[in-house]
Amino acid sequence: MQPARSGRRLTDLADLTDLLASVAEQQRLGRSQRDEADYWASQIQPALDIDDAQTIAWLLLDIAGHPLVPDRLGQRARAWATALEHLGPRADRDAEGGRAWTW
């Protein structure tokens, strides 16, 4: 059972990274939003700092509400923002005592 769960986590990581990379390619968005998405796409990892996850959620909510973002991309952004915000309170303590969202 564990390998399937682990595989699902890797799929989730890949999906979030892909979403952020897609946002970074949206020429209709401002340069700062594209740059932020590009940066966060490179930072996705199995143990994501809870503050970083919240920052990504806020970015995705901004993207989802942008009038020039294609509907499908906006829906994915909204779904991921919701997931990141709801999973945040369940974050685990990492080895340094900080909070990390683990996949």
PDB file of N, CA and C in Angstrom:
ATOM      1  N   MET A   1       0.814  -1.188   0.000  1.00  0.00           N
ATOM      2  CA  MET A   1       0.000   0.000   0.000  1.00  0.00           C
ATOM      3  C   MET A   1       0.868   1.267   0.000  1.00  0.00           C
ATOM      4  N   GLN A   2       1.983   1.246   0.677  1.00  0.00           N
ATOM      5  CA  GLN A   2       2.848   2.420   0.781  1.00  0.00           C
ATOM      6  C   GLN A   2       3.362   2.905  -0.573  1.00  0.00           C
ATOM      7  N   PRO A   3       3.816   2.023  -1.496  1.00  0.00           N
ATOM      8  CA  PRO A   3       4.311   2.512  -2.777  1.00  0.00           C
ATOM      9  C   PRO A   3       3.263   3.300  -3.556  1.00  0.00           C
ATOM     10  N   ALA A   4       2.005   2.899  -3.496  1.00  0.00           N
ATOM     11  CA  ALA A   4       0.963   3.626  -4.214  1.00  0.00           C
ATOM     12  C   ALA A   4       0.824   5.036  -3.654  1.00  0.00           C
ATOM     13  N   ARG A   5       0.859   5.155  -2.342  1.00  0.00           N
ATOM     14  CA  ARG A   5       0.749   6.475  -1.714  1.00  0.00           C
ATOM     15  C   ARG A   5       1.947   7.337  -2.096  1.00  0.00           C
ATOM     16  N   SER A   6       3.120   6.756  -2.066  1.00  0.00           N
ATOM     17  CA  SER A   6       4.321   7.477  -2.447  1.00  0.00           C
ATOM     18  C   SER A   6       4.249   7.915  -3.900  1.00  0.00           C
ATOM     19  N   GLY A   7       3.766   7.039  -4.764  1.00  0.00           N
ATOM     20  CA  GLY A   7       3.602   7.379  -6.168  1.00  0.00           C
ATOM     21  C   GLY A   7       2.612   8.508  -6.363  1.00  0.00           C
ATOM     22  N   ARG A   8       1.551   8.493  -5.577  1.00  0.00           N
ATOM     23  CA  ARG A   8       0.552   9.565  -5.649  1.00  0.00           C
ATOM     24  C   ARG A   8       1.175  10.893  -5.243  1.00  0.00           C
ATOM     25  N   ARG A   9       2.011  10.878  -4.207  1.00  0.00           N
ATOM     26  CA  ARG A   9       2.666  12.102  -3.766  1.00  0.00           C
ATOM     27  C   ARG A   9       3.557  12.673  -4.862  1.00  0.00           C
ATOM     28  N   LEU A  10       4.296  11.804  -5.541  1.00  0.00           N
ATOM     29  CA  LEU A  10       5.151  12.269  -6.627  1.00  0.00           C
ATOM     30  C   LEU A  10       4.316  12.835  -7.761  1.00  0.00           C
ATOM     31  N   THR A  11       3.171  12.232  -8.036  1.00  0.00           N
ATOM     32  CA  THR A  11       2.264  12.743  -9.058  1.00  0.00           C
ATOM     33  C   THR A  11       1.753  14.120  -8.658  1.00  0.00           C
ATOM     34  N   ASP A  12       1.390  14.290  -7.377  1.00  0.00           N
ATOM     35  CA  ASP A  12       0.930  15.587  -6.884  1.00  0.00           C
ATOM     36  C   ASP A  12       2.030  16.640  -7.015  1.00  0.00           C
ATOM     37  N   LEU A  13       3.245  16.280  -6.633  1.00  0.00           N
ATOM     38  CA  LEU A  13       4.364  17.208  -6.760  1.00  0.00           C
ATOM     39  C   LEU A  13       4.565  17.623  -8.214  1.00  0.00           C
ATOM     40  N   ALA A  14       4.507  16.659  -9.099  1.00  0.00           N
ATOM     41  CA  ALA A  14       4.680  16.939 -10.522  1.00  0.00           C
ATOM     42  C   ALA A  14       3.546  17.819 -11.046  1.00  0.00           C
ATOM     43  N   ASP A  15       2.325  17.574 -10.587  1.00  0.00           N
ATOM     44  CA  ASP A  15       1.185  18.366 -11.041  1.00  0.00           C
ATOM     45  C   ASP A  15       1.304  19.817 -10.577  1.00  0.00           C
ATOM     46  N   LEU A  16       1.680  20.032  -9.323  1.00  0.00           N
ATOM     47  CA  LEU A  16       1.840  21.387  -8.809  1.00  0.00           C
ATOM     48  C   LEU A  16       2.982  22.096  -9.535  1.00  0.00           C
ATOM     49  N   THR A  17       4.084  21.413  -9.737  1.00  0.00           N
ATOM     50  CA  THR A  17       5.211  21.993 -10.470  1.00  0.00           C
ATOM     51  C   THR A  17       4.798  22.354 -11.886  1.00  0.00           C
ATOM     52  N   ASP A  18       4.052  21.460 -12.551  1.00  0.00           N
ATOM     53  CA  ASP A  18       3.567  21.707 -13.907  1.00  0.00           C
ATOM     54  C   ASP A  18       2.631  22.911 -13.949  1.00  0.00           C
ATOM     55  N   LEU A  19       1.746  23.017 -12.959  1.00  0.00           N
ATOM     56  CA  LEU A  19       0.832  24.150 -12.904  1.00  0.00           C
ATOM     57  C   LEU A  19       1.607  25.461 -12.791  1.00  0.00           C
ATOM     58  N   LEU A  20       2.549  25.510 -11.881  1.00  0.00           N
ATOM     59  CA  LEU A  20       3.339  26.734 -11.705  1.00  0.00           C
ATOM     60  C   LEU A  20       4.149  27.061 -12.955  1.00  0.00           C
ATOM     61  N   ALA A  21       4.689  26.041 -13.614  1.00  0.00           N
ATOM     62  CA  ALA A  21       5.427  26.260 -14.861  1.00  0.00           C
ATOM     63  C   ALA A  21       4.492  26.788 -15.956  1.00  0.00           C
ATOM     64  N   SER A  22       3.272  26.282 -16.000  1.00  0.00           N
ATOM     65  CA  SER A  22       2.284  26.771 -16.979  1.00  0.00           C
ATOM     66  C   SER A  22       1.930  28.226 -16.718  1.00  0.00           C
ATOM     67  N   VAL A  23       1.786  28.572 -15.454  1.00  0.00           N
ATOM     68  CA  VAL A  23       1.504  29.968 -15.087  1.00  0.00           C
ATOM     69  C   VAL A  23       2.661  30.860 -15.536  1.00  0.00           C
ATOM     70  N   ALA A  24       3.880  30.395 -15.350  1.00  0.00           N
ATOM     71  CA  ALA A  24       5.056  31.183 -15.724  1.00  0.00           C
ATOM     72  C   ALA A  24       5.103  31.473 -17.223  1.00  0.00           C
ATOM     73  N   GLU A  25       4.424  30.661 -18.020  1.00  0.00           N
ATOM     74  CA  GLU A  25       4.419  30.843 -19.474  1.00  0.00           C
ATOM     75  C   GLU A  25       3.269  31.710 -19.976  1.00  0.00           C
ATOM     76  N   GLN A  26       2.381  32.136 -19.102  1.00  0.00           N
ATOM     77  CA  GLN A  26       1.217  32.924 -19.502  1.00  0.00           C
ATOM     78  C   GLN A  26       1.619  34.380 -19.775  1.00  0.00           C
ATOM     79  N   GLN A  27       1.726  34.723 -21.038  1.00  0.00           N
ATOM     80  CA  GLN A  27       2.174  36.059 -21.422  1.00  0.00           C
ATOM     81  C   GLN A  27       1.181  37.152 -21.039  1.00  0.00           C
ATOM     82  N   ARG A  28      -0.055  36.785 -20.790  1.00  0.00           N
ATOM     83  CA  ARG A  28      -1.072  37.778 -20.418  1.00  0.00           C
ATOM     84  C   ARG A  28      -0.946  38.229 -18.964  1.00  0.00           C
ATOM     85  N   LEU A  29      -0.178  37.501 -18.185  1.00  0.00           N
ATOM     86  CA  LEU A  29       0.046  37.861 -16.782  1.00  0.00           C
ATOM     87  C   LEU A  29       1.199  38.857 -16.679  1.00  0.00           C
ATOM     88  N   GLY A  30       1.247  39.552 -15.567  1.00  0.00           N
ATOM     89  CA  GLY A  30       2.353  40.467 -15.321  1.00  0.00           C
ATOM     90  C   GLY A  30       3.660  39.717 -15.140  1.00  0.00           C
ATOM     91  N   ARG A  31       4.730  40.408 -15.396  1.00  0.00           N
ATOM     92  CA  ARG A  31       6.058  39.813 -15.291  1.00  0.00           C
ATOM     93  C   ARG A  31       6.329  39.278 -13.876  1.00  0.00           C
ATOM     94  N   SER A  32       5.915  40.025 -12.850  1.00  0.00           N
ATOM     95  CA  SER A  32       6.196  39.594 -11.480  1.00  0.00           C
ATOM     96  C   SER A  32       5.460  38.302 -11.145  1.00  0.00           C
ATOM     97  N   GLN A  33       4.220  38.151 -11.597  1.00  0.00           N
ATOM     98  CA  GLN A  33       3.493  36.901 -11.336  1.00  0.00           C
ATOM     99  C   GLN A  33       4.142  35.735 -12.064  1.00  0.00           C
ATOM    100  N   ARG A  34       4.568  35.959 -13.298  1.00  0.00           N
ATOM    101  CA  ARG A  34       5.239  34.888 -14.051  1.00  0.00           C
ATOM    102  C   ARG A  34       6.556  34.505 -13.384  1.00  0.00           C
ATOM    103  N   ASP A  35       7.305  35.510 -12.945  1.00  0.00           N
ATOM    104  CA  ASP A  35       8.589  35.240 -12.280  1.00  0.00           C
ATOM    105  C   ASP A  35       8.386  34.486 -10.964  1.00  0.00           C
ATOM    106  N   GLU A  36       7.373  34.880 -10.190  1.00  0.00           N
ATOM    107  CA  GLU A  36       7.084  34.180  -8.933  1.00  0.00           C
ATOM    108  C   GLU A  36       6.720  32.719  -9.201  1.00  0.00           C
ATOM    109  N   ALA A  37       5.867  32.500 -10.188  1.00  0.00           N
ATOM    110  CA  ALA A  37       5.463  31.128 -10.515  1.00  0.00           C
ATOM    111  C   ALA A  37       6.663  30.302 -10.951  1.00  0.00           C
ATOM    112  N   ASP A  38       7.532  30.892 -11.746  1.00  0.00           N
ATOM    113  CA  ASP A  38       8.732  30.196 -12.202  1.00  0.00           C
ATOM    114  C   ASP A  38       9.630  29.844 -11.018  1.00  0.00           C
ATOM    115  N   TYR A  39       9.803  30.785 -10.110  1.00  0.00           N
ATOM    116  CA  TYR A  39      10.620  30.524  -8.917  1.00  0.00           C
ATOM    117  C   TYR A  39      10.022  29.385  -8.087  1.00  0.00           C
ATOM    118  N   TRP A  40       8.725  29.468  -7.783  1.00  0.00           N
ATOM    119  CA  TRP A  40       8.110  28.453  -6.923  1.00  0.00           C
ATOM    120  C   TRP A  40       8.062  27.090  -7.598  1.00  0.00           C
ATOM    121  N   ALA A  41       7.967  27.056  -8.916  1.00  0.00           N
ATOM    122  CA  ALA A  41       8.007  25.768  -9.620  1.00  0.00           C
ATOM    123  C   ALA A  41       9.331  25.059  -9.350  1.00  0.00           C
ATOM    124  N   SER A  42      10.398  25.824  -9.192  1.00  0.00           N
ATOM    125  CA  SER A  42      11.714  25.227  -8.935  1.00  0.00           C
ATOM    126  C   SER A  42      11.911  24.860  -7.466  1.00  0.00           C
ATOM    127  N   GLN A  43      11.010  25.284  -6.592  1.00  0.00           N
ATOM    128  CA  GLN A  43      11.171  25.067  -5.158  1.00  0.00           C
ATOM    129  C   GLN A  43      10.300  23.939  -4.598  1.00  0.00           C
ATOM    130  N   ILE A  44       9.435  23.361  -5.417  1.00  0.00           N
ATOM    131  CA  ILE A  44       8.536  22.310  -4.938  1.00  0.00           C
ATOM    132  C   ILE A  44       9.359  21.085  -4.554  1.00  0.00           C
ATOM    133  N   GLN A  45       9.122  20.601  -3.340  1.00  0.00           N
ATOM    134  CA  GLN A  45       9.847  19.440  -2.823  1.00  0.00           C
ATOM    135  C   GLN A  45       8.949  18.689  -1.845  1.00  0.00           C
ATOM    136  N   PRO A  46       9.299  17.457  -1.512  1.00  0.00           N
ATOM    137  CA  PRO A  46       8.440  16.662  -0.627  1.00  0.00           C
ATOM    138  C   PRO A  46       8.161  17.290   0.736  1.00  0.00           C
ATOM    139  N   ALA A  47       9.075  18.039   1.301  1.00  0.00           N
ATOM    140  CA  ALA A  47       8.825  18.727   2.576  1.00  0.00           C
ATOM    141  C   ALA A  47       8.896  20.224   2.290  1.00  0.00           C
ATOM    142  N   LEU A  48       7.742  20.825   2.096  1.00  0.00           N
ATOM    143  CA  LEU A  48       7.652  22.239   1.746  1.00  0.00           C
ATOM    144  C   LEU A  48       7.335  23.036   3.004  1.00  0.00           C
ATOM    145  N   ASP A  49       8.122  24.070   3.278  1.00  0.00           N
ATOM    146  CA  ASP A  49       7.879  24.920   4.438  1.00  0.00           C
ATOM    147  C   ASP A  49       6.447  25.445   4.389  1.00  0.00           C
ATOM    148  N   ILE A  50       5.783  25.462   5.539  1.00  0.00           N
ATOM    149  CA  ILE A  50       4.378  25.849   5.595  1.00  0.00           C
ATOM    150  C   ILE A  50       4.174  27.289   5.117  1.00  0.00           C
ATOM    151  N   ASP A  51       5.112  28.172   5.416  1.00  0.00           N
ATOM    152  CA  ASP A  51       4.998  29.553   4.947  1.00  0.00           C
ATOM    153  C   ASP A  51       5.127  29.626   3.429  1.00  0.00           C
ATOM    154  N   ASP A  52       5.994  28.797   2.869  1.00  0.00           N
ATOM    155  CA  ASP A  52       6.137  28.748   1.419  1.00  0.00           C
ATOM    156  C   ASP A  52       4.863  28.209   0.771  1.00  0.00           C
ATOM    157  N   ALA A  53       4.275  27.190   1.382  1.00  0.00           N
ATOM    158  CA  ALA A  53       3.019  26.639   0.849  1.00  0.00           C
ATOM    159  C   ALA A  53       1.930  27.703   0.863  1.00  0.00           C
ATOM    160  N   GLN A  54       1.873  28.510   1.914  1.00  0.00           N
ATOM    161  CA  GLN A  54       0.869  29.583   1.984  1.00  0.00           C
ATOM    162  C   GLN A  54       1.130  30.641   0.919  1.00  0.00           C
ATOM    163  N   THR A  55       2.390  30.971   0.705  1.00  0.00           N
ATOM    164  CA  THR A  55       2.741  31.944  -0.331  1.00  0.00           C
ATOM    165  C   THR A  55       2.319  31.445  -1.707  1.00  0.00           C
ATOM    166  N   ILE A  56       2.557  30.173  -1.970  1.00  0.00           N
ATOM    167  CA  ILE A  56       2.145  29.582  -3.246  1.00  0.00           C
ATOM    168  C   ILE A  56       0.626  29.614  -3.369  1.00  0.00           C
ATOM    169  N   ALA A  57      -0.071  29.307  -2.282  1.00  0.00           N
ATOM    170  CA  ALA A  57      -1.542  29.339  -2.306  1.00  0.00           C
ATOM    171  C   ALA A  57      -2.040  30.737  -2.660  1.00  0.00           C
ATOM    172  N   TRP A  58      -1.464  31.765  -2.046  1.00  0.00           N
ATOM    173  CA  TRP A  58      -1.876  33.145  -2.349  1.00  0.00           C
ATOM    174  C   TRP A  58      -1.603  33.503  -3.804  1.00  0.00           C
ATOM    175  N   LEU A  59      -0.443  33.094  -4.308  1.00  0.00           N
ATOM    176  CA  LEU A  59      -0.124  33.341  -5.715  1.00  0.00           C
ATOM    177  C   LEU A  59      -1.158  32.673  -6.617  1.00  0.00           C
ATOM    178  N   LEU A  60      -1.475  31.421  -6.317  1.00  0.00           N
ATOM    179  CA  LEU A  60      -2.442  30.697  -7.140  1.00  0.00           C
ATOM    180  C   LEU A  60      -3.839  31.299  -7.062  1.00  0.00           C
ATOM    181  N   LEU A  61      -4.217  31.821  -5.906  1.00  0.00           N
ATOM    182  CA  LEU A  61      -5.512  32.505  -5.803  1.00  0.00           C
ATOM    183  C   LEU A  61      -5.532  33.766  -6.661  1.00  0.00           C
ATOM    184  N   ASP A  62      -4.432  34.494  -6.674  1.00  0.00           N
ATOM    185  CA  ASP A  62      -4.344  35.667  -7.549  1.00  0.00           C
ATOM    186  C   ASP A  62      -4.476  35.270  -9.015  1.00  0.00           C
ATOM    187  N   ILE A  63      -3.803  34.203  -9.375  1.00  0.00           N
ATOM    188  CA  ILE A  63      -3.850  33.712 -10.757  1.00  0.00           C
ATOM    189  C   ILE A  63      -5.269  33.277 -11.109  1.00  0.00           C
ATOM    190  N   ALA A  64      -5.905  32.543 -10.210  1.00  0.00           N
ATOM    191  CA  ALA A  64      -7.254  32.030 -10.463  1.00  0.00           C
ATOM    192  C   ALA A  64      -8.251  33.166 -10.686  1.00  0.00           C
ATOM    193  N   GLY A  65      -8.034  34.294 -10.031  1.00  0.00           N
ATOM    194  CA  GLY A  65      -8.946  35.413 -10.165  1.00  0.00           C
ATOM    195  C   GLY A  65      -8.614  36.377 -11.293  1.00  0.00           C
ATOM    196  N   HIS A  66      -7.548  36.114 -12.011  1.00  0.00           N
ATOM    197  CA  HIS A  66      -7.123  37.007 -13.090  1.00  0.00           C
ATOM    198  C   HIS A  66      -8.054  36.837 -14.295  1.00  0.00           C
ATOM    199  N   PRO A  67      -8.565  37.929 -14.843  1.00  0.00           N
ATOM    200  CA  PRO A  67      -9.540  37.817 -15.934  1.00  0.00           C
ATOM    201  C   PRO A  67      -8.985  37.268 -17.248  1.00  0.00           C
ATOM    202  N   LEU A  68      -7.685  37.311 -17.440  1.00  0.00           N
ATOM    203  CA  LEU A  68      -7.112  36.849 -18.705  1.00  0.00           C
ATOM    204  C   LEU A  68      -6.534  35.438 -18.655  1.00  0.00           C
ATOM    205  N   VAL A  69      -6.657  34.784 -17.514  1.00  0.00           N
ATOM    206  CA  VAL A  69      -6.162  33.414 -17.382  1.00  0.00           C
ATOM    207  C   VAL A  69      -7.205  32.458 -17.954  1.00  0.00           C
ATOM    208  N   PRO A  70      -6.777  31.502 -18.779  1.00  0.00           N
ATOM    209  CA  PRO A  70      -7.737  30.522 -19.312  1.00  0.00           C
ATOM    210  C   PRO A  70      -8.484  29.807 -18.181  1.00  0.00           C
ATOM    211  N   ASP A  71      -9.756  29.505 -18.414  1.00  0.00           N
ATOM    212  CA  ASP A  71     -10.607  28.906 -17.381  1.00  0.00           C
ATOM    213  C   ASP A  71      -9.996  27.658 -16.757  1.00  0.00           C
ATOM    214  N   ARG A  72      -9.504  26.757 -17.574  1.00  0.00           N
ATOM    215  CA  ARG A  72      -8.954  25.493 -17.048  1.00  0.00           C
ATOM    216  C   ARG A  72      -7.766  25.754 -16.121  1.00  0.00           C
ATOM    217  N   LEU A  73      -6.902  26.670 -16.506  1.00  0.00           N
ATOM    218  CA  LEU A  73      -5.744  27.001 -15.673  1.00  0.00           C
ATOM    219  C   LEU A  73      -6.208  27.666 -14.378  1.00  0.00           C
ATOM    220  N   GLY A  74      -7.186  28.529 -14.457  1.00  0.00           N
ATOM    221  CA  GLY A  74      -7.736  29.173 -13.269  1.00  0.00           C
ATOM    222  C   GLY A  74      -8.369  28.175 -12.319  1.00  0.00           C
ATOM    223  N   GLN A  75      -9.054  27.177 -12.870  1.00  0.00           N
ATOM    224  CA  GLN A  75      -9.670  26.136 -12.030  1.00  0.00           C
ATOM    225  C   GLN A  75      -8.606  25.313 -11.321  1.00  0.00           C
ATOM    226  N   ARG A  76      -7.564  24.951 -12.042  1.00  0.00           N
ATOM    227  CA  ARG A  76      -6.470  24.192 -11.417  1.00  0.00           C
ATOM    228  C   ARG A  76      -5.792  25.011 -10.335  1.00  0.00           C
ATOM    229  N   ALA A  77      -5.578  26.297 -10.605  1.00  0.00           N
ATOM    230  CA  ALA A  77      -4.935  27.172  -9.623  1.00  0.00           C
ATOM    231  C   ALA A  77      -5.797  27.278  -8.365  1.00  0.00           C
ATOM    232  N   ARG A  78      -7.091  27.436  -8.541  1.00  0.00           N
ATOM    233  CA  ARG A  78      -8.001  27.552  -7.396  1.00  0.00           C
ATOM    234  C   ARG A  78      -8.010  26.250  -6.583  1.00  0.00           C
ATOM    235  N   ALA A  79      -8.052  25.118  -7.269  1.00  0.00           N
ATOM    236  CA  ALA A  79      -8.070  23.819  -6.581  1.00  0.00           C
ATOM    237  C   ALA A  79      -6.792  23.614  -5.770  1.00  0.00           C
ATOM    238  N   TRP A  80      -5.649  23.954  -6.350  1.00  0.00           N
ATOM    239  CA  TRP A  80      -4.389  23.789  -5.630  1.00  0.00           C
ATOM    240  C   TRP A  80      -4.276  24.771  -4.471  1.00  0.00           C
ATOM    241  N   ALA A  81      -4.735  25.993  -4.661  1.00  0.00           N
ATOM    242  CA  ALA A  81      -4.700  26.974  -3.575  1.00  0.00           C
ATOM    243  C   ALA A  81      -5.515  26.472  -2.392  1.00  0.00           C
ATOM    244  N   THR A  82      -6.679  25.934  -2.682  1.00  0.00           N
ATOM    245  CA  THR A  82      -7.535  25.390  -1.625  1.00  0.00           C
ATOM    246  C   THR A  82      -6.855  24.220  -0.925  1.00  0.00           C
ATOM    247  N   ALA A  83      -6.259  23.335  -1.692  1.00  0.00           N
ATOM    248  CA  ALA A  83      -5.577  22.175  -1.107  1.00  0.00           C
ATOM    249  C   ALA A  83      -4.423  22.615  -0.207  1.00  0.00           C
ATOM    250  N   LEU A  84      -3.637  23.563  -0.670  1.00  0.00           N
ATOM    251  CA  LEU A  84      -2.500  24.032   0.122  1.00  0.00           C
ATOM    252  C   LEU A  84      -2.962  24.711   1.406  1.00  0.00           C
ATOM    253  N   GLU A  85      -4.024  25.479   1.323  1.00  0.00           N
ATOM    254  CA  GLU A  85      -4.522  26.165   2.522  1.00  0.00           C
ATOM    255  C   GLU A  85      -5.134  25.194   3.522  1.00  0.00           C
ATOM    256  N   HIS A  86      -5.833  24.169   3.051  1.00  0.00           N
ATOM    257  CA  HIS A  86      -6.473  23.219   3.963  1.00  0.00           C
ATOM    258  C   HIS A  86      -5.478  22.247   4.593  1.00  0.00           C
ATOM    259  N   LEU A  87      -4.428  21.931   3.884  1.00  0.00           N
ATOM    260  CA  LEU A  87      -3.441  21.004   4.427  1.00  0.00           C
ATOM    261  C   LEU A  87      -2.444  21.694   5.340  1.00  0.00           C
ATOM    262  N   GLY A  88      -2.341  22.991   5.253  1.00  0.00           N
ATOM    263  CA  GLY A  88      -1.398  23.743   6.074  1.00  0.00           C
ATOM    264  C   GLY A  88      -1.492  23.467   7.557  1.00  0.00           C
ATOM    265  N   PRO A  89      -2.685  23.487   8.158  1.00  0.00           N
ATOM    266  CA  PRO A  89      -2.763  23.251   9.601  1.00  0.00           C
ATOM    267  C   PRO A  89      -2.303  21.862  10.032  1.00  0.00           C
ATOM    268  N   ARG A  90      -2.224  20.932   9.091  1.00  0.00           N
ATOM    269  CA  ARG A  90      -1.784  19.573   9.439  1.00  0.00           C
ATOM    270  C   ARG A  90      -0.295  19.382   9.198  1.00  0.00           C
ATOM    271  N   ALA A  91       0.427  20.448   8.991  1.00  0.00           N
ATOM    272  CA  ALA A  91       1.858  20.344   8.705  1.00  0.00           C
ATOM    273  C   ALA A  91       2.593  19.707   9.875  1.00  0.00           C
ATOM    274  N   ASP A  92       3.621  18.985   9.540  1.00  0.00           N
ATOM    275  CA  ASP A  92       4.457  18.320  10.542  1.00  0.00           C
ATOM    276  C   ASP A  92       5.599  19.237  10.957  1.00  0.00           C
ATOM    277  N   ARG A  93       6.141  18.987  12.134  1.00  0.00           N
ATOM    278  CA  ARG A  93       7.351  19.694  12.575  1.00  0.00           C
ATOM    279  C   ARG A  93       8.552  19.053  11.886  1.00  0.00           C
ATOM    280  N   ASP A  94       9.404  19.897  11.334  1.00  0.00           N
ATOM    281  CA  ASP A  94      10.605  19.332  10.724  1.00  0.00           C
ATOM    282  C   ASP A  94      11.705  19.209  11.784  1.00  0.00           C
ATOM    283  N   ALA A  95      12.853  18.726  11.382  1.00  0.00           N
ATOM    284  CA  ALA A  95      13.936  18.449  12.319  1.00  0.00           C
ATOM    285  C   ALA A  95      14.436  19.712  13.028  1.00  0.00           C
ATOM    286  N   GLU A  96      14.269  20.862  12.405  1.00  0.00           N
ATOM    287  CA  GLU A  96      14.754  22.104  12.995  1.00  0.00           C
ATOM    288  C   GLU A  96      13.671  22.791  13.820  1.00  0.00           C
ATOM    289  N   GLY A  97      12.541  22.169  14.002  1.00  0.00           N
ATOM    290  CA  GLY A  97      11.483  22.745  14.795  1.00  0.00           C
ATOM    291  C   GLY A  97      10.506  23.614  14.017  1.00  0.00           C
ATOM    292  N   GLY A  98      10.777  23.838  12.729  1.00  0.00           N
ATOM    293  CA  GLY A  98       9.870  24.601  11.890  1.00  0.00           C
ATOM    294  C   GLY A  98       8.730  23.734  11.403  1.00  0.00           C
ATOM    295  N   ARG A  99       7.795  24.322  10.744  1.00  0.00           N
ATOM    296  CA  ARG A  99       6.675  23.540  10.223  1.00  0.00           C
ATOM    297  C   ARG A  99       6.860  23.305   8.738  1.00  0.00           C
ATOM    298  N   ALA A 100       6.626  22.095   8.326  1.00  0.00           N
ATOM    299  CA  ALA A 100       6.759  21.731   6.917  1.00  0.00           C
ATOM    300  C   ALA A 100       5.547  20.935   6.498  1.00  0.00           C
ATOM    301  N   TRP A 101       5.100  21.174   5.290  1.00  0.00           N
ATOM    302  CA  TRP A 101       4.010  20.417   4.714  1.00  0.00           C
ATOM    303  C   TRP A 101       4.640  19.248   3.988  1.00  0.00           C
ATOM    304  N   THR A 102       4.395  18.048   4.429  1.00  0.00           N
ATOM    305  CA  THR A 102       5.012  16.876   3.811  1.00  0.00           C
ATOM    306  C   THR A 102       4.004  16.176   2.925  1.00  0.00           C
ATOM    307  N   TRP A 103       4.496  15.662   1.810  1.00  0.00           N
ATOM    308  CA  TRP A 103       3.633  15.021   0.806  1.00  0.00           C
ATOM    309  C   TRP A 103       3.440  13.582   1.143  1.00  0.00           C
TER     310      TRP A 103
END
